[in-house]
Amino acid sequence: MSAIPDFEFVKTAACRDARVDNCPEVATNVPGTVALRDSGRPDTIITMTAAEWVALADAVKAGEYDLSA
């Protein structure tokens, strides 16, 4: 079993307000890996490759995951 890398998570600017208590966090400090977690559940980490991150971001921008539809 390999060790979990030391991810350095950051929040979006909108989530840095102390009144917001539950935000997505992203870490890109480990080469070739993007890590995601929910600030409310920091022990659950999802990782993907940089290419998978780009594909996800493109899908979100295109409205593929629009929950208001």
PDB file of N, CA and C in Angstrom:
ATOM      1  N   MET A   1       0.839  -1.169   0.000  1.00  0.00           N
ATOM      2  CA  MET A   1       0.000   0.000   0.000  1.00  0.00           C
ATOM      3  C   MET A   1       0.890   1.240   0.000  1.00  0.00           C
ATOM      4  N   SER A   2       0.608   2.174  -0.917  1.00  0.00           N
ATOM      5  CA  SER A   2       1.436   3.370  -0.994  1.00  0.00           C
ATOM      6  C   SER A   2       0.894   4.469  -0.081  1.00  0.00           C
ATOM      7  N   ALA A   3       1.769   5.355   0.305  1.00  0.00           N
ATOM      8  CA  ALA A   3       1.385   6.450   1.192  1.00  0.00           C
ATOM      9  C   ALA A   3       0.577   7.493   0.416  1.00  0.00           C
ATOM     10  N   ILE A   4      -0.328   8.150   1.106  1.00  0.00           N
ATOM     11  CA  ILE A   4      -1.099   9.229   0.504  1.00  0.00           C
ATOM     12  C   ILE A   4      -0.201  10.457   0.402  1.00  0.00           C
ATOM     13  N   PRO A   5      -0.134  11.078  -0.791  1.00  0.00           N
ATOM     14  CA  PRO A   5       0.703  12.271  -0.927  1.00  0.00           C
ATOM     15  C   PRO A   5       0.208  13.404  -0.026  1.00  0.00           C
ATOM     16  N   ASP A   6       1.077  14.342   0.241  1.00  0.00           N
ATOM     17  CA  ASP A   6       0.703  15.521   1.027  1.00  0.00           C
ATOM     18  C   ASP A   6       0.079  16.557   0.105  1.00  0.00           C
ATOM     19  N   PHE A   7      -1.230  16.440  -0.074  1.00  0.00           N
ATOM     20  CA  PHE A   7      -1.931  17.384  -0.920  1.00  0.00           C
ATOM     21  C   PHE A   7      -2.072  18.722  -0.206  1.00  0.00           C
ATOM     22  N   GLU A   8      -1.931  19.797  -0.961  1.00  0.00           N
ATOM     23  CA  GLU A   8      -2.120  21.146  -0.444  1.00  0.00           C
ATOM     24  C   GLU A   8      -3.416  21.681  -1.035  1.00  0.00           C
ATOM     25  N   PHE A   9      -4.504  21.527  -0.302  1.00  0.00           N
ATOM     26  CA  PHE A   9      -5.823  21.898  -0.795  1.00  0.00           C
ATOM     27  C   PHE A   9      -6.064  23.393  -0.678  1.00  0.00           C
ATOM     28  N   VAL A  10      -6.756  23.938  -1.671  1.00  0.00           N
ATOM     29  CA  VAL A  10      -7.177  25.336  -1.664  1.00  0.00           C
ATOM     30  C   VAL A  10      -8.659  25.400  -2.005  1.00  0.00           C
ATOM     31  N   LYS A  11      -9.303  26.455  -1.529  1.00  0.00           N
ATOM     32  CA  LYS A  11     -10.710  26.704  -1.829  1.00  0.00           C
ATOM     33  C   LYS A  11     -10.807  27.796  -2.890  1.00  0.00           C
ATOM     34  N   THR A  12     -11.931  27.858  -3.569  1.00  0.00           N
ATOM     35  CA  THR A  12     -12.158  28.962  -4.496  1.00  0.00           C
ATOM     36  C   THR A  12     -12.296  30.253  -3.693  1.00  0.00           C
ATOM     37  N   ALA A  13     -12.134  31.368  -4.354  1.00  0.00           N
ATOM     38  CA  ALA A  13     -12.231  32.662  -3.679  1.00  0.00           C
ATOM     39  C   ALA A  13     -13.585  32.833  -3.002  1.00  0.00           C
ATOM     40  N   ALA A  14     -14.650  32.360  -3.632  1.00  0.00           N
ATOM     41  CA  ALA A  14     -15.996  32.499  -3.061  1.00  0.00           C
ATOM     42  C   ALA A  14     -16.138  31.741  -1.746  1.00  0.00           C
ATOM     43  N   CYS A  15     -15.345  30.726  -1.548  1.00  0.00           N
ATOM     44  CA  CYS A  15     -15.453  29.899  -0.345  1.00  0.00           C
ATOM     45  C   CYS A  15     -14.496  30.322   0.762  1.00  0.00           C
ATOM     46  N   ARG A  16     -13.713  31.324   0.536  1.00  0.00           N
ATOM     47  CA  ARG A  16     -12.767  31.750   1.568  1.00  0.00           C
ATOM     48  C   ARG A  16     -13.418  32.618   2.632  1.00  0.00           C
ATOM     49  N   ASP A  17     -14.671  32.963   2.436  1.00  0.00           N
ATOM     50  CA  ASP A  17     -15.438  33.735   3.405  1.00  0.00           C
ATOM     51  C   ASP A  17     -15.730  32.838   4.613  1.00  0.00           C
ATOM     52  N   ALA A  18     -15.431  33.298   5.796  1.00  0.00           N
ATOM     53  CA  ALA A  18     -15.608  32.489   7.009  1.00  0.00           C
ATOM     54  C   ALA A  18     -17.058  32.065   7.237  1.00  0.00           C
ATOM     55  N   ARG A  19     -18.010  32.768   6.626  1.00  0.00           N
ATOM     56  CA  ARG A  19     -19.424  32.419   6.791  1.00  0.00           C
ATOM     57  C   ARG A  19     -19.826  31.214   5.947  1.00  0.00           C
ATOM     58  N   VAL A  20     -18.975  30.836   4.995  1.00  0.00           N
ATOM     59  CA  VAL A  20     -19.235  29.668   4.151  1.00  0.00           C
ATOM     60  C   VAL A  20     -18.469  28.508   4.761  1.00  0.00           C
ATOM     61  N   ASP A  21     -19.186  27.443   5.139  1.00  0.00           N
ATOM     62  CA  ASP A  21     -18.500  26.384   5.884  1.00  0.00           C
ATOM     63  C   ASP A  21     -18.347  25.058   5.156  1.00  0.00           C
ATOM     64  N   ASN A  22     -18.781  24.967   3.927  1.00  0.00           N
ATOM     65  CA  ASN A  22     -18.705  23.690   3.239  1.00  0.00           C
ATOM     66  C   ASN A  22     -18.432  23.936   1.752  1.00  0.00           C
ATOM     67  N   CYS A  23     -17.209  23.726   1.336  1.00  0.00           N
ATOM     68  CA  CYS A  23     -16.811  24.051  -0.029  1.00  0.00           C
ATOM     69  C   CYS A  23     -15.947  22.952  -0.642  1.00  0.00           C
ATOM     70  N   PRO A  24     -15.968  22.865  -1.962  1.00  0.00           N
ATOM     71  CA  PRO A  24     -15.023  21.962  -2.605  1.00  0.00           C
ATOM     72  C   PRO A  24     -13.615  22.537  -2.512  1.00  0.00           C
ATOM     73  N   GLU A  25     -12.658  21.659  -2.362  1.00  0.00           N
ATOM     74  CA  GLU A  25     -11.252  22.052  -2.311  1.00  0.00           C
ATOM     75  C   GLU A  25     -10.482  21.241  -3.350  1.00  0.00           C
ATOM     76  N   VAL A  26      -9.477  21.874  -3.947  1.00  0.00           N
ATOM     77  CA  VAL A  26      -8.693  21.239  -5.006  1.00  0.00           C
ATOM     78  C   VAL A  26      -7.214  21.352  -4.664  1.00  0.00           C
ATOM     79  N   ALA A  27      -6.475  20.289  -4.946  1.00  0.00           N
ATOM     80  CA  ALA A  27      -5.018  20.301  -4.792  1.00  0.00           C
ATOM     81  C   ALA A  27      -4.388  19.907  -6.120  1.00  0.00           C
ATOM     82  N   THR A  28      -3.420  20.706  -6.557  1.00  0.00           N
ATOM     83  CA  THR A  28      -2.707  20.413  -7.807  1.00  0.00           C
ATOM     84  C   THR A  28      -1.195  20.378  -7.600  1.00  0.00           C
ATOM     85  N   ASN A  29      -0.768  20.239  -6.351  1.00  0.00           N
ATOM     86  CA  ASN A  29       0.659  20.285  -6.041  1.00  0.00           C
ATOM     87  C   ASN A  29       1.401  18.964  -6.262  1.00  0.00           C
ATOM     88  N   VAL A  30       0.683  17.882  -6.513  1.00  0.00           N
ATOM     89  CA  VAL A  30       1.333  16.593  -6.780  1.00  0.00           C
ATOM     90  C   VAL A  30       1.345  16.394  -8.305  1.00  0.00           C
ATOM     91  N   PRO A  31       2.513  16.359  -8.917  1.00  0.00           N
ATOM     92  CA  PRO A  31       2.598  16.272 -10.374  1.00  0.00           C
ATOM     93  C   PRO A  31       1.757  15.132 -10.964  1.00  0.00           C
ATOM     94  N   GLY A  32       0.955  15.482 -11.979  1.00  0.00           N
ATOM     95  CA  GLY A  32       0.153  14.490 -12.682  1.00  0.00           C
ATOM     96  C   GLY A  32      -1.138  14.112 -11.985  1.00  0.00           C
ATOM     97  N   THR A  33      -1.402  14.686 -10.811  1.00  0.00           N
ATOM     98  CA  THR A  33      -2.586  14.320 -10.038  1.00  0.00           C
ATOM     99  C   THR A  33      -3.344  15.567  -9.608  1.00  0.00           C
ATOM    100  N   VAL A  34      -4.661  15.502  -9.735  1.00  0.00           N
ATOM    101  CA  VAL A  34      -5.539  16.533  -9.184  1.00  0.00           C
ATOM    102  C   VAL A  34      -6.362  15.835  -8.108  1.00  0.00           C
ATOM    103  N   ALA A  35      -6.417  16.430  -6.929  1.00  0.00           N
ATOM    104  CA  ALA A  35      -7.167  15.849  -5.817  1.00  0.00           C
ATOM    105  C   ALA A  35      -8.315  16.779  -5.453  1.00  0.00           C
ATOM    106  N   LEU A  36      -9.463  16.179  -5.156  1.00  0.00           N
ATOM    107  CA  LEU A  36     -10.654  16.924  -4.758  1.00  0.00           C
ATOM    108  C   LEU A  36     -11.134  16.414  -3.412  1.00  0.00           C
ATOM    109  N   ARG A  37     -11.694  17.321  -2.627  1.00  0.00           N
ATOM    110  CA  ARG A  37     -12.347  16.909  -1.390  1.00  0.00           C
ATOM    111  C   ARG A  37     -13.386  17.959  -1.018  1.00  0.00           C
ATOM    112  N   ASP A  38     -14.271  17.585  -0.137  1.00  0.00           N
ATOM    113  CA  ASP A  38     -15.286  18.472   0.412  1.00  0.00           C
ATOM    114  C   ASP A  38     -14.760  18.947   1.760  1.00  0.00           C
ATOM    115  N   SER A  39     -14.751  20.245   1.990  1.00  0.00           N
ATOM    116  CA  SER A  39     -14.206  20.747   3.254  1.00  0.00           C
ATOM    117  C   SER A  39     -14.955  20.203   4.460  1.00  0.00           C
ATOM    118  N   GLY A  40     -16.193  19.786   4.268  1.00  0.00           N
ATOM    119  CA  GLY A  40     -16.961  19.206   5.360  1.00  0.00           C
ATOM    120  C   GLY A  40     -16.617  17.758   5.630  1.00  0.00           C
ATOM    121  N   ARG A  41     -15.918  17.110   4.674  1.00  0.00           N
ATOM    122  CA  ARG A  41     -15.489  15.715   4.823  1.00  0.00           C
ATOM    123  C   ARG A  41     -14.044  15.587   4.324  1.00  0.00           C
ATOM    124  N   PRO A  42     -13.112  16.209   4.992  1.00  0.00           N
ATOM    125  CA  PRO A  42     -11.736  16.275   4.491  1.00  0.00           C
ATOM    126  C   PRO A  42     -10.993  14.945   4.398  1.00  0.00           C
ATOM    127  N   ASP A  43     -11.506  13.904   5.029  1.00  0.00           N
ATOM    128  CA  ASP A  43     -10.828  12.610   4.958  1.00  0.00           C
ATOM    129  C   ASP A  43     -11.158  11.833   3.695  1.00  0.00           C
ATOM    130  N   THR A  44     -12.173  12.279   2.939  1.00  0.00           N
ATOM    131  CA  THR A  44     -12.539  11.620   1.690  1.00  0.00           C
ATOM    132  C   THR A  44     -11.932  12.409   0.538  1.00  0.00           C
ATOM    133  N   ILE A  45     -10.971  11.805  -0.147  1.00  0.00           N
ATOM    134  CA  ILE A  45     -10.246  12.471  -1.219  1.00  0.00           C
ATOM    135  C   ILE A  45     -10.435  11.689  -2.515  1.00  0.00           C
ATOM    136  N   ILE A  46     -10.768  12.400  -3.573  1.00  0.00           N
ATOM    137  CA  ILE A  46     -10.906  11.805  -4.905  1.00  0.00           C
ATOM    138  C   ILE A  46      -9.746  12.320  -5.747  1.00  0.00           C
ATOM    139  N   THR A  47      -9.072  11.421  -6.423  1.00  0.00           N
ATOM    140  CA  THR A  47      -7.959  11.839  -7.278  1.00  0.00           C
ATOM    141  C   THR A  47      -8.248  11.484  -8.728  1.00  0.00           C
ATOM    142  N   MET A  48      -7.631  12.252  -9.623  1.00  0.00           N
ATOM    143  CA  MET A  48      -7.742  12.000 -11.055  1.00  0.00           C
ATOM    144  C   MET A  48      -6.497  12.556 -11.732  1.00  0.00           C
ATOM    145  N   THR A  49      -6.336  12.169 -12.977  1.00  0.00           N
ATOM    146  CA  THR A  49      -5.204  12.701 -13.743  1.00  0.00           C
ATOM    147  C   THR A  49      -5.542  14.121 -14.185  1.00  0.00           C
ATOM    148  N   ALA A  50      -4.532  14.832 -14.636  1.00  0.00           N
ATOM    149  CA  ALA A  50      -4.755  16.183 -15.147  1.00  0.00           C
ATOM    150  C   ALA A  50      -5.694  16.149 -16.354  1.00  0.00           C
ATOM    151  N   ALA A  51      -5.558  15.149 -17.215  1.00  0.00           N
ATOM    152  CA  ALA A  51      -6.430  15.030 -18.392  1.00  0.00           C
ATOM    153  C   ALA A  51      -7.881  14.774 -17.975  1.00  0.00           C
ATOM    154  N   GLU A  52      -8.077  13.956 -16.957  1.00  0.00           N
ATOM    155  CA  GLU A  52      -9.428  13.710 -16.458  1.00  0.00           C
ATOM    156  C   GLU A  52     -10.023  14.985 -15.854  1.00  0.00           C
ATOM    157  N   TRP A  53      -9.203  15.774 -15.179  1.00  0.00           N
ATOM    158  CA  TRP A  53      -9.654  17.046 -14.611  1.00  0.00           C
ATOM    159  C   TRP A  53     -10.121  17.985 -15.727  1.00  0.00           C
ATOM    160  N   VAL A  54      -9.335  18.071 -16.785  1.00  0.00           N
ATOM    161  CA  VAL A  54      -9.708  18.931 -17.921  1.00  0.00           C
ATOM    162  C   VAL A  54     -11.026  18.464 -18.523  1.00  0.00           C
ATOM    163  N   ALA A  55     -11.194  17.155 -18.687  1.00  0.00           N
ATOM    164  CA  ALA A  55     -12.441  16.618 -19.239  1.00  0.00           C
ATOM    165  C   ALA A  55     -13.624  16.946 -18.328  1.00  0.00           C
ATOM    166  N   LEU A  56     -13.439  16.823 -17.019  1.00  0.00           N
ATOM    167  CA  LEU A  56     -14.502  17.152 -16.070  1.00  0.00           C
ATOM    168  C   LEU A  56     -14.836  18.640 -16.135  1.00  0.00           C
ATOM    169  N   ALA A  57     -13.820  19.484 -16.107  1.00  0.00           N
ATOM    170  CA  ALA A  57     -14.046  20.930 -16.152  1.00  0.00           C
ATOM    171  C   ALA A  57     -14.763  21.324 -17.445  1.00  0.00           C
ATOM    172  N   ASP A  58     -14.365  20.735 -18.566  1.00  0.00           N
ATOM    173  CA  ASP A  58     -15.024  21.025 -19.843  1.00  0.00           C
ATOM    174  C   ASP A  58     -16.492  20.604 -19.806  1.00  0.00           C
ATOM    175  N   ALA A  59     -16.782  19.445 -19.224  1.00  0.00           N
ATOM    176  CA  ALA A  59     -18.165  18.960 -19.131  1.00  0.00           C
ATOM    177  C   ALA A  59     -19.006  19.881 -18.252  1.00  0.00           C
ATOM    178  N   VAL A  60     -18.433  20.345 -17.155  1.00  0.00           N
ATOM    179  CA  VAL A  60     -19.155  21.262 -16.264  1.00  0.00           C
ATOM    180  C   VAL A  60     -19.434  22.574 -17.002  1.00  0.00           C
ATOM    181  N   LYS A  61     -18.422  23.107 -17.671  1.00  0.00           N
ATOM    182  CA  LYS A  61     -18.593  24.360 -18.417  1.00  0.00           C
ATOM    183  C   LYS A  61     -19.641  24.226 -19.513  1.00  0.00           C
ATOM    184  N   ALA A  62     -19.746  23.044 -20.105  1.00  0.00           N
ATOM    185  CA  ALA A  62     -20.701  22.807 -21.181  1.00  0.00           C
ATOM    186  C   ALA A  62     -22.112  22.562 -20.662  1.00  0.00           C
ATOM    187  N   GLY A  63     -22.281  22.518 -19.345  1.00  0.00           N
ATOM    188  CA  GLY A  63     -23.605  22.306 -18.763  1.00  0.00           C
ATOM    189  C   GLY A  63     -24.022  20.865 -18.640  1.00  0.00           C
ATOM    190  N   GLU A  64     -23.089  19.950 -18.843  1.00  0.00           N
ATOM    191  CA  GLU A  64     -23.410  18.531 -18.786  1.00  0.00           C
ATOM    192  C   GLU A  64     -23.944  18.092 -17.415  1.00  0.00           C
ATOM    193  N   TYR A  65     -23.530  18.795 -16.380  1.00  0.00           N
ATOM    194  CA  TYR A  65     -23.967  18.450 -15.027  1.00  0.00           C
ATOM    195  C   TYR A  65     -24.874  19.520 -14.430  1.00  0.00           C
ATOM    196  N   ASP A  66     -25.593  20.210 -15.271  1.00  0.00           N
ATOM    197  CA  ASP A  66     -26.500  21.268 -14.822  1.00  0.00           C
ATOM    198  C   ASP A  66     -27.681  20.649 -14.097  1.00  0.00           C
ATOM    199  N   LEU A  67     -27.737  20.827 -12.803  1.00  0.00           N
ATOM    200  CA  LEU A  67     -28.797  20.225 -11.994  1.00  0.00           C
ATOM    201  C   LEU A  67     -30.084  21.040 -12.011  1.00  0.00           C
ATOM    202  N   SER A  68     -30.049  22.226 -12.599  1.00  0.00           N
ATOM    203  CA  SER A  68     -31.245  23.057 -12.638  1.00  0.00           C
ATOM    204  C   SER A  68     -32.138  22.731 -13.840  1.00  0.00           C
ATOM    205  N   ALA A  69     -31.646  21.888 -14.719  1.00  0.00           N
ATOM    206  CA  ALA A  69     -32.421  21.559 -15.929  1.00  0.00           C
ATOM    207  C   ALA A  69     -33.546  20.594 -15.624  1.00  0.00           C
TER     208      ALA A  69
END
